[in-house]
Amino acid sequence: MNSYQDEMTAEYNRQRIIAEMKQIRLEHIALGARAYQPGRFARLMFAFANWMIATGKQLRKRYEIPSAKCNQVASTKRFAH
């Protein structure tokens, strides 16, 4: 009778382990399928990059010489670089 209980306990433990393995596999699949959510550093760098782009465009607009108003003739001299 004692060996029957040992076999039943072993079978119960095997089924419990199999159920845990299935649960872990499902959790792993669910974690891989979730959408990317950037952390605080990634969001900060994204905002900083957008600010740099916006500032660069404003500075270019303010200080760049428009090519339509440039009436100078290109120099014929060649310089070695």
N, C-alpha and C. Protein backbone atom coordinates (compact mmCIF):
# COMPACT_ATOMS: atom_id res chain seq x y z
N MET A 1 0.81 -1.19 0.00
CA MET A 1 0.00 0.00 0.00
C MET A 1 0.86 1.26 0.00
N ASN A 2 1.99 1.16 0.65
CA ASN A 2 2.88 2.30 0.74
C ASN A 2 3.45 2.66 -0.62
N SER A 3 3.77 1.69 -1.46
CA SER A 3 4.32 1.98 -2.77
C SER A 3 3.28 2.66 -3.66
N TYR A 4 2.00 2.34 -3.47
CA TYR A 4 0.93 2.98 -4.24
C TYR A 4 0.88 4.47 -3.92
N GLN A 5 1.00 4.84 -2.67
CA GLN A 5 0.99 6.25 -2.28
C GLN A 5 2.21 6.98 -2.85
N ASP A 6 3.35 6.30 -2.84
CA ASP A 6 4.56 6.91 -3.42
C ASP A 6 4.39 7.16 -4.91
N GLU A 7 3.80 6.22 -5.62
CA GLU A 7 3.55 6.39 -7.05
C GLU A 7 2.55 7.52 -7.30
N MET A 8 1.51 7.61 -6.49
CA MET A 8 0.52 8.68 -6.66
C MET A 8 1.14 10.05 -6.37
N THR A 9 1.98 10.11 -5.34
CA THR A 9 2.66 11.37 -5.01
C THR A 9 3.61 11.77 -6.14
N ALA A 10 4.34 10.81 -6.67
CA ALA A 10 5.25 11.10 -7.78
C ALA A 10 4.48 11.58 -9.00
N GLU A 11 3.35 10.95 -9.31
CA GLU A 11 2.53 11.37 -10.45
C GLU A 11 1.96 12.77 -10.24
N TYR A 12 1.50 13.02 -9.02
CA TYR A 12 0.96 14.35 -8.69
C TYR A 12 2.05 15.41 -8.86
N ASN A 13 3.26 15.13 -8.36
CA ASN A 13 4.37 16.08 -8.49
C ASN A 13 4.75 16.28 -9.95
N ARG A 14 4.75 15.22 -10.74
CA ARG A 14 5.06 15.34 -12.17
C ARG A 14 4.05 16.24 -12.87
N GLN A 15 2.76 16.05 -12.59
CA GLN A 15 1.73 16.88 -13.21
C GLN A 15 1.85 18.34 -12.78
N ARG A 16 2.20 18.56 -11.51
CA ARG A 16 2.36 19.92 -11.00
C ARG A 16 3.55 20.60 -11.70
N ILE A 17 4.63 19.86 -11.89
CA ILE A 17 5.81 20.42 -12.57
C ILE A 17 5.49 20.74 -14.02
N ILE A 18 4.75 19.87 -14.69
CA ILE A 18 4.35 20.11 -16.09
C ILE A 18 3.47 21.35 -16.18
N ALA A 19 2.54 21.51 -15.24
CA ALA A 19 1.67 22.69 -15.24
C ALA A 19 2.49 23.96 -15.01
N GLU A 20 3.47 23.92 -14.13
CA GLU A 20 4.34 25.08 -13.89
C GLU A 20 5.16 25.42 -15.14
N MET A 21 5.65 24.40 -15.83
CA MET A 21 6.41 24.64 -17.06
C MET A 21 5.54 25.30 -18.12
N LYS A 22 4.30 24.85 -18.25
CA LYS A 22 3.37 25.48 -19.22
C LYS A 22 3.12 26.93 -18.84
N GLN A 23 2.94 27.19 -17.55
CA GLN A 23 2.70 28.56 -17.09
C GLN A 23 3.91 29.45 -17.39
N ILE A 24 5.10 28.94 -17.15
CA ILE A 24 6.32 29.72 -17.43
C ILE A 24 6.46 29.99 -18.92
N ARG A 25 6.16 29.01 -19.75
CA ARG A 25 6.21 29.22 -21.21
C ARG A 25 5.21 30.28 -21.65
N LEU A 26 3.99 30.23 -21.11
CA LEU A 26 2.98 31.24 -21.46
C LEU A 26 3.41 32.63 -21.02
N GLU A 27 3.99 32.73 -19.83
CA GLU A 27 4.47 34.04 -19.36
C GLU A 27 5.59 34.56 -20.24
N HIS A 28 6.47 33.67 -20.67
CA HIS A 28 7.58 34.07 -21.55
C HIS A 28 7.05 34.58 -22.89
N ILE A 29 6.06 33.90 -23.44
CA ILE A 29 5.45 34.33 -24.71
C ILE A 29 4.75 35.67 -24.53
N ALA A 30 4.03 35.83 -23.41
CA ALA A 30 3.31 37.08 -23.15
C ALA A 30 4.28 38.24 -22.98
N LEU A 31 5.41 38.02 -22.31
CA LEU A 31 6.38 39.10 -22.13
C LEU A 31 7.02 39.50 -23.46
N GLY A 32 7.23 38.53 -24.34
CA GLY A 32 7.83 38.84 -25.63
C GLY A 32 6.87 39.58 -26.56
N ALA A 33 5.57 39.43 -26.33
CA ALA A 33 4.58 40.04 -27.22
C ALA A 33 4.15 41.42 -26.78
N ARG A 34 4.55 41.85 -25.59
CA ARG A 34 4.06 43.15 -25.12
C ARG A 34 4.77 44.28 -25.85
N ALA A 35 4.10 45.41 -25.91
CA ALA A 35 4.61 46.57 -26.64
C ALA A 35 5.81 47.17 -25.91
N TYR A 36 6.71 47.77 -26.68
CA TYR A 36 7.89 48.41 -26.11
C TYR A 36 7.48 49.67 -25.37
N GLN A 37 7.89 49.77 -24.13
CA GLN A 37 7.64 50.96 -23.34
C GLN A 37 8.98 51.51 -22.88
N PRO A 38 9.41 52.64 -23.45
CA PRO A 38 10.72 53.16 -23.10
C PRO A 38 10.78 53.61 -21.64
N GLY A 39 11.95 53.51 -21.08
CA GLY A 39 12.16 53.96 -19.71
C GLY A 39 12.35 55.45 -19.63
N ARG A 40 12.64 55.93 -18.44
CA ARG A 40 12.79 57.36 -18.21
C ARG A 40 13.96 57.93 -19.02
N PHE A 41 15.09 57.23 -19.06
CA PHE A 41 16.26 57.71 -19.80
C PHE A 41 15.96 57.80 -21.30
N ALA A 42 15.31 56.78 -21.85
CA ALA A 42 15.00 56.78 -23.29
C ALA A 42 14.05 57.92 -23.63
N ARG A 43 13.05 58.15 -22.79
CA ARG A 43 12.13 59.26 -23.04
C ARG A 43 12.83 60.60 -22.96
N LEU A 44 13.74 60.74 -21.99
CA LEU A 44 14.50 61.99 -21.84
C LEU A 44 15.38 62.23 -23.06
N MET A 45 16.07 61.20 -23.54
CA MET A 45 16.93 61.36 -24.71
C MET A 45 16.11 61.68 -25.96
N PHE A 46 14.92 61.09 -26.08
CA PHE A 46 14.06 61.37 -27.22
C PHE A 46 13.63 62.84 -27.20
N ALA A 47 13.22 63.32 -26.03
CA ALA A 47 12.81 64.72 -25.91
C ALA A 47 13.99 65.65 -26.17
N PHE A 48 15.16 65.29 -25.67
CA PHE A 48 16.36 66.11 -25.89
C PHE A 48 16.73 66.17 -27.37
N ALA A 49 16.63 65.03 -28.06
CA ALA A 49 16.92 65.00 -29.49
C ALA A 49 15.93 65.86 -30.28
N ASN A 50 14.67 65.78 -29.93
CA ASN A 50 13.67 66.61 -30.61
C ASN A 50 13.94 68.09 -30.35
N TRP A 51 14.34 68.44 -29.12
CA TRP A 51 14.65 69.83 -28.81
C TRP A 51 15.85 70.30 -29.62
N MET A 52 16.88 69.45 -29.75
CA MET A 52 18.06 69.83 -30.53
C MET A 52 17.71 70.03 -32.00
N ILE A 53 16.86 69.18 -32.54
CA ILE A 53 16.44 69.32 -33.94
C ILE A 53 15.67 70.61 -34.13
N ALA A 54 14.73 70.89 -33.23
CA ALA A 54 13.93 72.11 -33.34
C ALA A 54 14.81 73.35 -33.21
N THR A 55 15.73 73.35 -32.27
CA THR A 55 16.62 74.49 -32.07
C THR A 55 17.54 74.67 -33.27
N GLY A 56 18.02 73.58 -33.82
CA GLY A 56 18.90 73.66 -34.99
C GLY A 56 18.20 74.26 -36.18
N LYS A 57 16.94 73.90 -36.39
CA LYS A 57 16.18 74.47 -37.50
C LYS A 57 15.98 75.97 -37.30
N GLN A 58 15.69 76.39 -36.07
CA GLN A 58 15.49 77.81 -35.81
C GLN A 58 16.79 78.59 -36.00
N LEU A 59 17.90 78.02 -35.54
CA LEU A 59 19.18 78.71 -35.71
C LEU A 59 19.58 78.79 -37.18
N ARG A 60 19.33 77.74 -37.93
CA ARG A 60 19.64 77.75 -39.35
C ARG A 60 18.80 78.82 -40.05
N LYS A 61 17.53 78.91 -39.70
CA LYS A 61 16.66 79.90 -40.32
C LYS A 61 17.13 81.31 -39.98
N ARG A 62 17.62 81.51 -38.77
CA ARG A 62 18.02 82.84 -38.32
C ARG A 62 19.36 83.27 -38.91
N TYR A 63 20.34 82.37 -39.02
CA TYR A 63 21.70 82.77 -39.37
C TYR A 63 22.17 82.32 -40.75
N GLU A 64 21.46 81.44 -41.40
CA GLU A 64 21.89 80.96 -42.70
C GLU A 64 21.57 82.01 -43.78
N ILE A 65 22.50 82.20 -44.69
CA ILE A 65 22.30 83.16 -45.78
C ILE A 65 21.48 82.47 -46.86
N PRO A 66 20.35 83.04 -47.25
CA PRO A 66 19.53 82.40 -48.29
C PRO A 66 20.28 82.36 -49.61
N SER A 67 20.19 81.26 -50.32
CA SER A 67 20.91 81.11 -51.58
C SER A 67 20.29 81.95 -52.69
N ALA A 68 19.04 82.34 -52.60
CA ALA A 68 18.38 83.13 -53.64
C ALA A 68 18.91 84.56 -53.66
N LYS A 69 19.37 85.10 -52.52
CA LYS A 69 19.86 86.47 -52.44
C LYS A 69 21.36 86.58 -52.70
N CYS A 70 22.01 85.49 -52.95
CA CYS A 70 23.46 85.48 -53.17
C CYS A 70 23.74 85.83 -54.63
N ASN A 71 24.27 87.04 -54.88
CA ASN A 71 24.55 87.49 -56.25
C ASN A 71 26.04 87.46 -56.57
N GLN A 72 26.85 86.92 -55.68
CA GLN A 72 28.28 86.92 -55.92
C GLN A 72 28.64 85.83 -56.93
N VAL A 73 29.63 86.17 -57.79
CA VAL A 73 30.13 85.22 -58.77
C VAL A 73 31.17 84.35 -58.08
N ALA A 74 31.14 83.08 -58.37
CA ALA A 74 32.08 82.16 -57.76
C ALA A 74 33.50 82.51 -58.19
N SER A 75 34.42 82.39 -57.27
CA SER A 75 35.82 82.71 -57.55
C SER A 75 36.41 81.65 -58.46
N THR A 76 37.30 82.10 -59.37
CA THR A 76 37.94 81.15 -60.29
C THR A 76 39.22 80.60 -59.70
N LYS A 77 39.68 81.13 -58.58
CA LYS A 77 40.90 80.64 -57.97
C LYS A 77 40.65 79.28 -57.34
N ARG A 78 41.66 78.45 -57.45
CA ARG A 78 41.59 77.12 -56.85
C ARG A 78 42.51 77.07 -55.64
N PHE A 79 42.04 76.52 -54.58
CA PHE A 79 42.84 76.38 -53.39
C PHE A 79 43.09 74.90 -53.14
N ALA A 80 44.31 74.58 -52.76
CA ALA A 80 44.64 73.18 -52.44
C ALA A 80 44.07 72.84 -51.08
N HIS A 81 43.44 71.69 -51.00
CA HIS A 81 42.88 71.25 -49.73
C HIS A 81 43.54 69.99 -49.30
